[in-house]
Amino acid sequence: MGLAIAPDDSFSNLPLNPLLEALVECLQKDMIPDIPYYALVSLTHLIDAIPNVSTPLAASGGIGAICRKLSNMEFIDMAEHAIKVLERLSYEHSEAILTEGTLGSVINMLDFFEIQV
């Protein structure tokens, strides 16, 4: 949970690849819903703090793991954070996100979120 609330300047000395691999692994721990939820919150914060983190995240299999969290309707907060992470990744990795079949999952979830036109 420390990454989810850490200040931006604390990421400069972190080894990104092992950290991202650990967070992607945490996304797959479904026994305790808080683990993938906080992994998504941490990924959101990392992407905002370190602009070049999206490529290693995509390379570590993160896009597929994040997309699978969209189908979990029991925990709407987790799906909401998954959408936030995917939105940030979509600027550089839109093809990989579409390949995972994410568009249909996001469209199915539109009823659960406020939409401002």
Protein backbone atom coordinates (compact mmCIF):
# COMPACT_ATOMS: atom_id res chain seq x y z
CA MET A 1 0.00 0.00 0.00
CA GLY A 2 2.99 2.30 0.44
CA LEU A 3 3.33 2.85 -3.31
CA ALA A 4 -0.27 3.94 -3.55
CA ILE A 5 0.37 6.99 -1.37
CA ALA A 6 4.10 7.62 -1.89
CA PRO A 7 5.24 11.06 -3.09
CA ASP A 8 6.35 11.25 -6.73
CA ASP A 9 10.00 11.94 -5.98
CA SER A 10 10.38 8.68 -4.04
CA PHE A 11 10.35 6.60 -7.25
CA SER A 12 13.70 7.72 -8.63
CA ASN A 13 15.71 4.91 -7.01
CA LEU A 14 13.26 2.06 -7.54
CA PRO A 15 14.20 -0.81 -9.88
CA LEU A 16 11.22 -0.59 -12.23
CA ASN A 17 11.22 -4.00 -13.91
CA PRO A 18 11.14 -6.11 -10.70
CA LEU A 19 8.60 -3.72 -9.19
CA LEU A 20 6.30 -3.93 -12.21
CA GLU A 21 6.61 -7.71 -12.34
CA ALA A 22 5.65 -7.89 -8.66
CA LEU A 23 2.64 -5.61 -9.20
CA VAL A 24 1.49 -7.67 -12.19
CA GLU A 25 1.81 -10.78 -10.03
CA CYS A 26 -0.27 -9.07 -7.35
CA LEU A 27 -2.99 -8.42 -9.93
CA GLN A 28 -3.40 -12.17 -10.26
CA LYS A 29 -3.96 -12.78 -6.52
CA ASP A 30 -7.72 -13.07 -6.41
CA MET A 31 -8.11 -14.69 -2.99
CA ILE A 32 -7.84 -11.34 -1.22
CA PRO A 33 -9.43 -8.56 -3.33
CA ASP A 34 -7.41 -5.82 -1.63
CA ILE A 35 -4.15 -7.09 -3.14
CA PRO A 36 -5.07 -6.52 -6.82
CA TYR A 37 -6.93 -3.34 -5.91
CA TYR A 38 -3.88 -1.75 -4.28
CA ALA A 39 -1.70 -3.03 -7.13
CA LEU A 40 -3.94 -1.09 -9.55
CA VAL A 41 -3.83 2.02 -7.37
CA SER A 42 -0.03 1.73 -7.25
CA LEU A 43 0.17 1.31 -11.02
CA THR A 44 -1.97 4.41 -11.51
CA HIS A 45 0.36 6.38 -9.28
CA LEU A 46 3.50 4.99 -10.95
CA ILE A 47 2.25 5.85 -14.43
CA ASP A 48 1.47 9.39 -13.32
CA ALA A 49 4.85 9.78 -11.58
CA ILE A 50 7.11 8.09 -14.13
CA PRO A 51 6.06 8.77 -17.72
CA ASN A 52 8.19 6.02 -19.31
CA VAL A 53 6.84 3.20 -17.13
CA SER A 54 4.14 2.14 -19.60
CA THR A 55 6.49 0.26 -21.95
CA PRO A 56 8.02 -2.00 -19.26
CA LEU A 57 4.54 -2.52 -17.81
CA ALA A 58 3.23 -3.67 -21.18
CA ALA A 59 6.29 -5.90 -21.65
CA SER A 60 5.74 -7.58 -18.28
CA GLY A 61 2.23 -8.73 -19.26
CA GLY A 62 0.49 -6.01 -17.33
CA ILE A 63 -2.07 -5.10 -19.97
CA GLY A 64 -3.63 -8.56 -20.02
CA ALA A 65 -3.71 -8.75 -16.22
CA ILE A 66 -5.32 -5.31 -15.98
CA CYS A 67 -7.89 -6.17 -18.65
CA ARG A 68 -8.95 -9.26 -16.70
CA LYS A 69 -9.82 -7.03 -13.73
CA LEU A 70 -12.51 -5.30 -15.80
CA SER A 71 -14.71 -8.38 -15.76
CA ASN A 72 -14.87 -8.45 -11.96
CA MET A 73 -18.20 -6.79 -11.32
CA GLU A 74 -18.16 -7.64 -7.60
CA PHE A 75 -15.55 -4.98 -6.92
CA ILE A 76 -16.50 -1.92 -8.93
CA ASP A 77 -13.65 0.12 -7.41
CA MET A 78 -11.15 -2.35 -8.85
CA ALA A 79 -12.74 -2.10 -12.28
CA GLU A 80 -12.69 1.69 -12.03
CA HIS A 81 -8.96 1.72 -11.27
CA ALA A 82 -8.35 -0.78 -14.07
CA ILE A 83 -10.03 1.65 -16.47
CA LYS A 84 -7.87 4.50 -15.15
CA VAL A 85 -4.67 2.51 -15.71
CA LEU A 86 -5.79 1.41 -19.18
CA GLU A 87 -6.66 4.98 -20.08
CA ARG A 88 -3.14 6.08 -19.18
CA LEU A 89 -1.62 3.15 -21.08
CA SER A 90 -3.80 3.74 -24.14
CA TYR A 91 -1.73 6.69 -25.32
CA GLU A 92 1.21 4.43 -26.14
CA HIS A 93 -0.24 0.91 -26.20
CA SER A 94 -3.71 1.23 -27.70
CA GLU A 95 -3.21 -1.69 -30.08
CA ALA A 96 -2.26 -4.07 -27.27
CA ILE A 97 -5.28 -2.95 -25.23
CA LEU A 98 -7.65 -3.51 -28.16
CA THR A 99 -6.06 -6.89 -28.88
CA GLU A 100 -6.92 -8.01 -25.35
CA GLY A 101 -10.61 -7.39 -26.08
CA THR A 102 -10.93 -4.58 -23.58
CA LEU A 103 -13.29 -2.40 -25.58
CA GLY A 104 -16.27 -4.71 -25.08
CA SER A 105 -15.63 -4.93 -21.33
CA VAL A 106 -15.41 -1.16 -21.00
CA ILE A 107 -18.60 -0.63 -23.02
CA ASN A 108 -20.43 -3.13 -20.80
CA MET A 109 -19.39 -1.16 -17.73
CA LEU A 110 -20.49 2.29 -18.92
CA ASP A 111 -23.76 1.99 -16.98
CA PHE A 112 -21.84 1.94 -13.69
CA PHE A 113 -19.95 5.21 -14.16
CA GLU A 114 -20.86 8.84 -14.56
CA ILE A 115 -20.39 10.04 -18.10
CA GLN A 116 -20.02 13.74 -18.80
CA VAL A 117 -20.63 14.91 -22.32
